[in-house]
Amino acid sequence: MSYWSELAREVVVPPPGTATTVVRATRTSPPYVGPQLISALRQLGPDFQLVDIDCDHMVAQARPAEVAALIRDRLPVGSWRG
């Protein structure tokens, strides 16, 4: 999600076969990622990954190395140079 307004809309689940990782900041109150979204995304089965990180809402700024590792792990082999 990029914009606050998206939080008020109905949950839209990506098409089956779409690798989807949600990185949830555990110290955000109220939480941006709630049970309704997680429940809907679990329909993706093994294509869905939920990662909880102990920080406030700006996860990429608070934990850049962990976020970078998550991105690299989801990219196809050989699609990035490390």
PDB file of N, CA and C in Angstrom:
ATOM      1  N   MET A   1       0.839  -1.172   0.000  1.00  0.00           N
ATOM      2  CA  MET A   1       0.000   0.000   0.000  1.00  0.00           C
ATOM      3  C   MET A   1       0.882   1.232   0.000  1.00  0.00           C
ATOM      4  N   SER A   2       0.466   2.206  -0.751  1.00  0.00           N
ATOM      5  CA  SER A   2       1.249   3.425  -0.861  1.00  0.00           C
ATOM      6  C   SER A   2       0.584   4.619  -0.223  1.00  0.00           C
ATOM      7  N   TYR A   3      -0.712   4.605  -0.158  1.00  0.00           N
ATOM      8  CA  TYR A   3      -1.437   5.787   0.285  1.00  0.00           C
ATOM      9  C   TYR A   3      -2.415   5.423   1.381  1.00  0.00           C
ATOM     10  N   TRP A   4      -2.601   6.350   2.308  1.00  0.00           N
ATOM     11  CA  TRP A   4      -3.526   6.131   3.421  1.00  0.00           C
ATOM     12  C   TRP A   4      -4.929   5.810   2.930  1.00  0.00           C
ATOM     13  N   SER A   5      -5.366   6.444   1.844  1.00  0.00           N
ATOM     14  CA  SER A   5      -6.729   6.232   1.338  1.00  0.00           C
ATOM     15  C   SER A   5      -6.979   4.773   0.972  1.00  0.00           C
ATOM     16  N   GLU A   6      -5.919   4.033   0.623  1.00  0.00           N
ATOM     17  CA  GLU A   6      -6.097   2.629   0.272  1.00  0.00           C
ATOM     18  C   GLU A   6      -6.532   1.791   1.473  1.00  0.00           C
ATOM     19  N   LEU A   7      -6.284   2.282   2.658  1.00  0.00           N
ATOM     20  CA  LEU A   7      -6.649   1.524   3.850  1.00  0.00           C
ATOM     21  C   LEU A   7      -8.154   1.454   4.046  1.00  0.00           C
ATOM     22  N   ALA A   8      -8.887   2.381   3.464  1.00  0.00           N
ATOM     23  CA  ALA A   8     -10.336   2.436   3.644  1.00  0.00           C
ATOM     24  C   ALA A   8     -11.084   1.634   2.580  1.00  0.00           C
ATOM     25  N   ARG A   9     -10.382   1.131   1.602  1.00  0.00           N
ATOM     26  CA  ARG A   9     -11.030   0.396   0.509  1.00  0.00           C
ATOM     27  C   ARG A   9     -11.139  -1.088   0.840  1.00  0.00           C
ATOM     28  N   GLU A  10     -12.001  -1.762   0.069  1.00  0.00           N
ATOM     29  CA  GLU A  10     -12.129  -3.208   0.244  1.00  0.00           C
ATOM     30  C   GLU A  10     -10.815  -3.894  -0.117  1.00  0.00           C
ATOM     31  N   VAL A  11     -10.580  -5.011   0.508  1.00  0.00           N
ATOM     32  CA  VAL A  11      -9.354  -5.765   0.260  1.00  0.00           C
ATOM     33  C   VAL A  11      -9.392  -6.353  -1.148  1.00  0.00           C
ATOM     34  N   VAL A  12      -8.321  -6.152  -1.890  1.00  0.00           N
ATOM     35  CA  VAL A  12      -8.160  -6.740  -3.219  1.00  0.00           C
ATOM     36  C   VAL A  12      -6.954  -7.667  -3.145  1.00  0.00           C
ATOM     37  N   VAL A  13      -7.179  -8.917  -3.478  1.00  0.00           N
ATOM     38  CA  VAL A  13      -6.122  -9.919  -3.413  1.00  0.00           C
ATOM     39  C   VAL A  13      -5.486 -10.055  -4.790  1.00  0.00           C
ATOM     40  N   PRO A  14      -4.148 -10.130  -4.864  1.00  0.00           N
ATOM     41  CA  PRO A  14      -3.491 -10.340  -6.153  1.00  0.00           C
ATOM     42  C   PRO A  14      -3.937 -11.659  -6.785  1.00  0.00           C
ATOM     43  N   PRO A  15      -3.769 -11.786  -8.098  1.00  0.00           N
ATOM     44  CA  PRO A  15      -4.144 -13.037  -8.770  1.00  0.00           C
ATOM     45  C   PRO A  15      -3.330 -14.221  -8.239  1.00  0.00           C
ATOM     46  N   PRO A  16      -3.908 -15.416  -8.284  1.00  0.00           N
ATOM     47  CA  PRO A  16      -3.160 -16.609  -7.873  1.00  0.00           C
ATOM     48  C   PRO A  16      -1.843 -16.703  -8.639  1.00  0.00           C
ATOM     49  N   GLY A  17      -0.816 -17.172  -7.953  1.00  0.00           N
ATOM     50  CA  GLY A  17       0.498 -17.292  -8.576  1.00  0.00           C
ATOM     51  C   GLY A  17       1.352 -16.053  -8.427  1.00  0.00           C
ATOM     52  N   THR A  18       0.820 -15.016  -7.788  1.00  0.00           N
ATOM     53  CA  THR A  18       1.570 -13.778  -7.582  1.00  0.00           C
ATOM     54  C   THR A  18       2.262 -13.833  -6.224  1.00  0.00           C
ATOM     55  N   ALA A  19       3.581 -13.852  -6.241  1.00  0.00           N
ATOM     56  CA  ALA A  19       4.331 -13.840  -4.984  1.00  0.00           C
ATOM     57  C   ALA A  19       4.044 -12.532  -4.255  1.00  0.00           C
ATOM     58  N   THR A  20       3.577 -12.630  -3.019  1.00  0.00           N
ATOM     59  CA  THR A  20       3.156 -11.457  -2.264  1.00  0.00           C
ATOM     60  C   THR A  20       3.747 -11.517  -0.863  1.00  0.00           C
ATOM     61  N   THR A  21       4.538 -10.512  -0.526  1.00  0.00           N
ATOM     62  CA  THR A  21       5.116 -10.412   0.808  1.00  0.00           C
ATOM     63  C   THR A  21       4.611  -9.144   1.463  1.00  0.00           C
ATOM     64  N   VAL A  22       4.045  -9.284   2.646  1.00  0.00           N
ATOM     65  CA  VAL A  22       3.624  -8.129   3.437  1.00  0.00           C
ATOM     66  C   VAL A  22       4.589  -8.025   4.606  1.00  0.00           C
ATOM     67  N   VAL A  23       5.199  -6.856   4.732  1.00  0.00           N
ATOM     68  CA  VAL A  23       6.098  -6.588   5.842  1.00  0.00           C
ATOM     69  C   VAL A  23       5.322  -5.729   6.833  1.00  0.00           C
ATOM     70  N   ARG A  24       5.075  -6.286   8.006  1.00  0.00           N
ATOM     71  CA  ARG A  24       4.232  -5.615   8.996  1.00  0.00           C
ATOM     72  C   ARG A  24       5.092  -5.072  10.139  1.00  0.00           C
ATOM     73  N   ALA A  25       4.977  -3.772  10.363  1.00  0.00           N
ATOM     74  CA  ALA A  25       5.644  -3.134  11.494  1.00  0.00           C
ATOM     75  C   ALA A  25       4.824  -3.422  12.747  1.00  0.00           C
ATOM     76  N   THR A  26       5.435  -4.040  13.725  1.00  0.00           N
ATOM     77  CA  THR A  26       4.679  -4.496  14.890  1.00  0.00           C
ATOM     78  C   THR A  26       4.392  -3.402  15.909  1.00  0.00           C
ATOM     79  N   ARG A  27       5.069  -2.257  15.806  1.00  0.00           N
ATOM     80  CA  ARG A  27       4.841  -1.191  16.790  1.00  0.00           C
ATOM     81  C   ARG A  27       3.932  -0.083  16.274  1.00  0.00           C
ATOM     82  N   THR A  28       3.221  -0.307  15.200  1.00  0.00           N
ATOM     83  CA  THR A  28       2.322   0.701  14.642  1.00  0.00           C
ATOM     84  C   THR A  28       0.947   0.566  15.289  1.00  0.00           C
ATOM     85  N   SER A  29       0.434   1.687  15.786  1.00  0.00           N
ATOM     86  CA  SER A  29      -0.874   1.673  16.435  1.00  0.00           C
ATOM     87  C   SER A  29      -1.670   2.899  16.010  1.00  0.00           C
ATOM     88  N   PRO A  30      -2.831   2.691  15.377  1.00  0.00           N
ATOM     89  CA  PRO A  30      -3.414   1.402  15.035  1.00  0.00           C
ATOM     90  C   PRO A  30      -2.626   0.748  13.904  1.00  0.00           C
ATOM     91  N   PRO A  31      -2.705  -0.564  13.796  1.00  0.00           N
ATOM     92  CA  PRO A  31      -1.933  -1.257  12.759  1.00  0.00           C
ATOM     93  C   PRO A  31      -2.451  -0.942  11.357  1.00  0.00           C
ATOM     94  N   TYR A  32      -1.525  -0.759  10.424  1.00  0.00           N
ATOM     95  CA  TYR A  32      -1.908  -0.555   9.022  1.00  0.00           C
ATOM     96  C   TYR A  32      -2.343  -1.876   8.401  1.00  0.00           C
ATOM     97  N   VAL A  33      -1.744  -2.954   8.850  1.00  0.00           N
ATOM     98  CA  VAL A  33      -2.038  -4.282   8.319  1.00  0.00           C
ATOM     99  C   VAL A  33      -2.848  -5.024   9.374  1.00  0.00           C
ATOM    100  N   GLY A  34      -4.129  -5.172   9.090  1.00  0.00           N
ATOM    101  CA  GLY A  34      -5.017  -5.786  10.064  1.00  0.00           C
ATOM    102  C   GLY A  34      -5.396  -7.205   9.712  1.00  0.00           C
ATOM    103  N   PRO A  35      -6.164  -7.839  10.585  1.00  0.00           N
ATOM    104  CA  PRO A  35      -6.540  -9.237  10.382  1.00  0.00           C
ATOM    105  C   PRO A  35      -7.357  -9.484   9.118  1.00  0.00           C
ATOM    106  N   GLN A  36      -8.169  -8.521   8.702  1.00  0.00           N
ATOM    107  CA  GLN A  36      -8.983  -8.709   7.494  1.00  0.00           C
ATOM    108  C   GLN A  36      -8.088  -8.836   6.264  1.00  0.00           C
ATOM    109  N   LEU A  37      -7.081  -7.982   6.161  1.00  0.00           N
ATOM    110  CA  LEU A  37      -6.150  -8.049   5.032  1.00  0.00           C
ATOM    111  C   LEU A  37      -5.363  -9.355   5.061  1.00  0.00           C
ATOM    112  N   ILE A  38      -4.829  -9.701   6.209  1.00  0.00           N
ATOM    113  CA  ILE A  38      -4.037 -10.929   6.316  1.00  0.00           C
ATOM    114  C   ILE A  38      -4.883 -12.150   5.969  1.00  0.00           C
ATOM    115  N   SER A  39      -6.097 -12.190   6.461  1.00  0.00           N
ATOM    116  CA  SER A  39      -6.992 -13.310   6.168  1.00  0.00           C
ATOM    117  C   SER A  39      -7.250 -13.431   4.671  1.00  0.00           C
ATOM    118  N   ALA A  40      -7.493 -12.310   4.012  1.00  0.00           N
ATOM    119  CA  ALA A  40      -7.738 -12.330   2.567  1.00  0.00           C
ATOM    120  C   ALA A  40      -6.492 -12.783   1.808  1.00  0.00           C
ATOM    121  N   LEU A  41      -5.328 -12.298   2.211  1.00  0.00           N
ATOM    122  CA  LEU A  41      -4.095 -12.652   1.509  1.00  0.00           C
ATOM    123  C   LEU A  41      -3.701 -14.113   1.723  1.00  0.00           C
ATOM    124  N   ARG A  42      -4.109 -14.699   2.812  1.00  0.00           N
ATOM    125  CA  ARG A  42      -3.801 -16.117   3.056  1.00  0.00           C
ATOM    126  C   ARG A  42      -4.434 -17.018   1.992  1.00  0.00           C
ATOM    127  N   GLN A  43      -5.412 -16.495   1.245  1.00  0.00           N
ATOM    128  CA  GLN A  43      -6.006 -17.250   0.135  1.00  0.00           C
ATOM    129  C   GLN A  43      -4.965 -17.575  -0.937  1.00  0.00           C
ATOM    130  N   LEU A  44      -3.875 -16.827  -0.967  1.00  0.00           N
ATOM    131  CA  LEU A  44      -2.820 -17.063  -1.950  1.00  0.00           C
ATOM    132  C   LEU A  44      -2.003 -18.310  -1.626  1.00  0.00           C
ATOM    133  N   GLY A  45      -2.191 -18.859  -0.442  1.00  0.00           N
ATOM    134  CA  GLY A  45      -1.458 -20.058  -0.053  1.00  0.00           C
ATOM    135  C   GLY A  45       0.030 -19.792   0.048  1.00  0.00           C
ATOM    136  N   PRO A  46       0.857 -20.672  -0.535  1.00  0.00           N
ATOM    137  CA  PRO A  46       2.305 -20.524  -0.406  1.00  0.00           C
ATOM    138  C   PRO A  46       2.874 -19.294  -1.122  1.00  0.00           C
ATOM    139  N   ASP A  47       2.075 -18.633  -1.946  1.00  0.00           N
ATOM    140  CA  ASP A  47       2.546 -17.409  -2.605  1.00  0.00           C
ATOM    141  C   ASP A  47       2.535 -16.213  -1.653  1.00  0.00           C
ATOM    142  N   PHE A  48       1.905 -16.372  -0.485  1.00  0.00           N
ATOM    143  CA  PHE A  48       1.817 -15.278   0.482  1.00  0.00           C
ATOM    144  C   PHE A  48       2.807 -15.489   1.619  1.00  0.00           C
ATOM    145  N   GLN A  49       3.493 -14.408   1.960  1.00  0.00           N
ATOM    146  CA  GLN A  49       4.439 -14.434   3.069  1.00  0.00           C
ATOM    147  C   GLN A  49       4.174 -13.212   3.941  1.00  0.00           C
ATOM    148  N   LEU A  50       4.024 -13.415   5.240  1.00  0.00           N
ATOM    149  CA  LEU A  50       3.871 -12.329   6.202  1.00  0.00           C
ATOM    150  C   LEU A  50       5.133 -12.267   7.041  1.00  0.00           C
ATOM    151  N   VAL A  51       5.743 -11.079   7.076  1.00  0.00           N
ATOM    152  CA  VAL A  51       6.959 -10.883   7.856  1.00  0.00           C
ATOM    153  C   VAL A  51       6.696  -9.770   8.859  1.00  0.00           C
ATOM    154  N   ASP A  52       6.817 -10.082  10.138  1.00  0.00           N
ATOM    155  CA  ASP A  52       6.681  -9.078  11.190  1.00  0.00           C
ATOM    156  C   ASP A  52       8.058  -8.552  11.555  1.00  0.00           C
ATOM    157  N   ILE A  53       8.183  -7.222  11.600  1.00  0.00           N
ATOM    158  CA  ILE A  53       9.440  -6.592  11.991  1.00  0.00           C
ATOM    159  C   ILE A  53       9.153  -5.646  13.150  1.00  0.00           C
ATOM    160  N   ASP A  54       9.959  -5.751  14.180  1.00  0.00           N
ATOM    161  CA  ASP A  54       9.782  -4.957  15.391  1.00  0.00           C
ATOM    162  C   ASP A  54      10.281  -3.527  15.160  1.00  0.00           C
ATOM    163  N   CYS A  55       9.366  -2.675  14.667  1.00  0.00           N
ATOM    164  CA  CYS A  55       9.692  -1.271  14.436  1.00  0.00           C
ATOM    165  C   CYS A  55       8.397  -0.491  14.244  1.00  0.00           C
ATOM    166  N   ASP A  56       8.536   0.829  14.080  1.00  0.00           N
ATOM    167  CA  ASP A  56       7.383   1.659  13.772  1.00  0.00           C
ATOM    168  C   ASP A  56       7.063   1.518  12.285  1.00  0.00           C
ATOM    169  N   HIS A  57       6.165   2.346  11.763  1.00  0.00           N
ATOM    170  CA  HIS A  57       5.605   2.115  10.432  1.00  0.00           C
ATOM    171  C   HIS A  57       6.568   2.294   9.265  1.00  0.00           C
ATOM    172  N   MET A  58       7.688   2.953   9.423  1.00  0.00           N
ATOM    173  CA  MET A  58       8.609   3.180   8.301  1.00  0.00           C
ATOM    174  C   MET A  58       9.658   2.063   8.284  1.00  0.00           C
ATOM    175  N   VAL A  59       9.218   0.891   7.906  1.00  0.00           N
ATOM    176  CA  VAL A  59      10.036  -0.314   8.001  1.00  0.00           C
ATOM    177  C   VAL A  59      11.316  -0.202   7.178  1.00  0.00           C
ATOM    178  N   ALA A  60      11.225   0.240   5.954  1.00  0.00           N
ATOM    179  CA  ALA A  60      12.409   0.296   5.080  1.00  0.00           C
ATOM    180  C   ALA A  60      13.474   1.240   5.630  1.00  0.00           C
ATOM    181  N   GLN A  61      13.052   2.296   6.301  1.00  0.00           N
ATOM    182  CA  GLN A  61      14.011   3.231   6.877  1.00  0.00           C
ATOM    183  C   GLN A  61      14.550   2.714   8.215  1.00  0.00           C
ATOM    184  N   ALA A  62      13.709   2.042   8.980  1.00  0.00           N
ATOM    185  CA  ALA A  62      14.118   1.551  10.294  1.00  0.00           C
ATOM    186  C   ALA A  62      14.997   0.306  10.202  1.00  0.00           C
ATOM    187  N   ARG A  63      14.725  -0.547   9.223  1.00  0.00           N
ATOM    188  CA  ARG A  63      15.431  -1.829   9.105  1.00  0.00           C
ATOM    189  C   ARG A  63      15.813  -2.099   7.651  1.00  0.00           C
ATOM    190  N   PRO A  64      16.646  -1.237   7.046  1.00  0.00           N
ATOM    191  CA  PRO A  64      16.941  -1.361   5.611  1.00  0.00           C
ATOM    192  C   PRO A  64      17.587  -2.688   5.209  1.00  0.00           C
ATOM    193  N   ALA A  65      18.468  -3.221   6.017  1.00  0.00           N
ATOM    194  CA  ALA A  65      19.136  -4.472   5.644  1.00  0.00           C
ATOM    195  C   ALA A  65      18.137  -5.629   5.592  1.00  0.00           C
ATOM    196  N   GLU A  66      17.229  -5.679   6.560  1.00  0.00           N
ATOM    197  CA  GLU A  66      16.233  -6.754   6.579  1.00  0.00           C
ATOM    198  C   GLU A  66      15.282  -6.648   5.395  1.00  0.00           C
ATOM    199  N   VAL A  67      14.859  -5.431   5.072  1.00  0.00           N
ATOM    200  CA  VAL A  67      13.948  -5.233   3.940  1.00  0.00           C
ATOM    201  C   VAL A  67      14.654  -5.582   2.630  1.00  0.00           C
ATOM    202  N   ALA A  68      15.901  -5.169   2.487  1.00  0.00           N
ATOM    203  CA  ALA A  68      16.659  -5.499   1.275  1.00  0.00           C
ATOM    204  C   ALA A  68      16.791  -7.013   1.112  1.00  0.00           C
ATOM    205  N   ALA A  69      17.039  -7.721   2.208  1.00  0.00           N
ATOM    206  CA  ALA A  69      17.152  -9.181   2.143  1.00  0.00           C
ATOM    207  C   ALA A  69      15.827  -9.819   1.729  1.00  0.00           C
ATOM    208  N   LEU A  70      14.718  -9.290   2.240  1.00  0.00           N
ATOM    209  CA  LEU A  70      13.404  -9.814   1.848  1.00  0.00           C
ATOM    210  C   LEU A  70      13.163  -9.630   0.354  1.00  0.00           C
ATOM    211  N   ILE A  71      13.527  -8.471  -0.164  1.00  0.00           N
ATOM    212  CA  ILE A  71      13.341  -8.195  -1.593  1.00  0.00           C
ATOM    213  C   ILE A  71      14.209  -9.138  -2.423  1.00  0.00           C
ATOM    214  N   ARG A  72      15.480  -9.261  -2.050  1.00  0.00           N
ATOM    215  CA  ARG A  72      16.380 -10.157  -2.797  1.00  0.00           C
ATOM    216  C   ARG A  72      15.867 -11.594  -2.786  1.00  0.00           C
ATOM    217  N   ASP A  73      15.348 -12.037  -1.643  1.00  0.00           N
ATOM    218  CA  ASP A  73      14.862 -13.415  -1.539  1.00  0.00           C
ATOM    219  C   ASP A  73      13.666 -13.686  -2.443  1.00  0.00           C
ATOM    220  N   ARG A  74      12.882 -12.669  -2.756  1.00  0.00           N
ATOM    221  CA  ARG A  74      11.689 -12.844  -3.592  1.00  0.00           C
ATOM    222  C   ARG A  74      11.977 -12.662  -5.078  1.00  0.00           C
ATOM    223  N   LEU A  75      13.107 -12.053  -5.424  1.00  0.00           N
ATOM    224  CA  LEU A  75      13.435 -11.852  -6.839  1.00  0.00           C
ATOM    225  C   LEU A  75      13.904 -13.165  -7.459  1.00  0.00           C
ATOM    226  N   PRO A  76      13.591 -13.368  -8.738  1.00  0.00           N
ATOM    227  CA  PRO A  76      14.086 -14.574  -9.415  1.00  0.00           C
ATOM    228  C   PRO A  76      15.615 -14.601  -9.417  1.00  0.00           C
ATOM    229  N   VAL A  77      16.179 -15.790  -9.325  1.00  0.00           N
ATOM    230  CA  VAL A  77      17.628 -15.958  -9.329  1.00  0.00           C
ATOM    231  C   VAL A  77      18.208 -15.329 -10.591  1.00  0.00           C
ATOM    232  N   GLY A  78      19.276 -14.565 -10.424  1.00  0.00           N
ATOM    233  CA  GLY A  78      19.944 -13.934 -11.553  1.00  0.00           C
ATOM    234  C   GLY A  78      19.333 -12.623 -12.002  1.00  0.00           C
ATOM    235  N   SER A  79      18.287 -12.149 -11.330  1.00  0.00           N
ATOM    236  CA  SER A  79      17.644 -10.905 -11.769  1.00  0.00           C
ATOM    237  C   SER A  79      18.253  -9.669 -11.126  1.00  0.00           C
ATOM    238  N   TRP A  80      19.212  -9.843 -10.234  1.00  0.00           N
ATOM    239  CA  TRP A  80      19.862  -8.699  -9.598  1.00  0.00           C
ATOM    240  C   TRP A  80      21.343  -9.023  -9.421  1.00  0.00           C
ATOM    241  N   ARG A  81      22.100  -7.991  -9.253  1.00  0.00           N
ATOM    242  CA  ARG A  81      23.544  -8.151  -9.047  1.00  0.00           C
ATOM    243  C   ARG A  81      23.868  -7.783  -7.609  1.00  0.00           C
ATOM    244  N   GLY A  82      24.487  -8.686  -6.891  1.00  0.00           N
ATOM    245  CA  GLY A  82      24.780  -8.434  -5.485  1.00  0.00           C
ATOM    246  C   GLY A  82      26.226  -8.515  -5.151  1.00  0.00           C
TER     247      GLY A  82
END
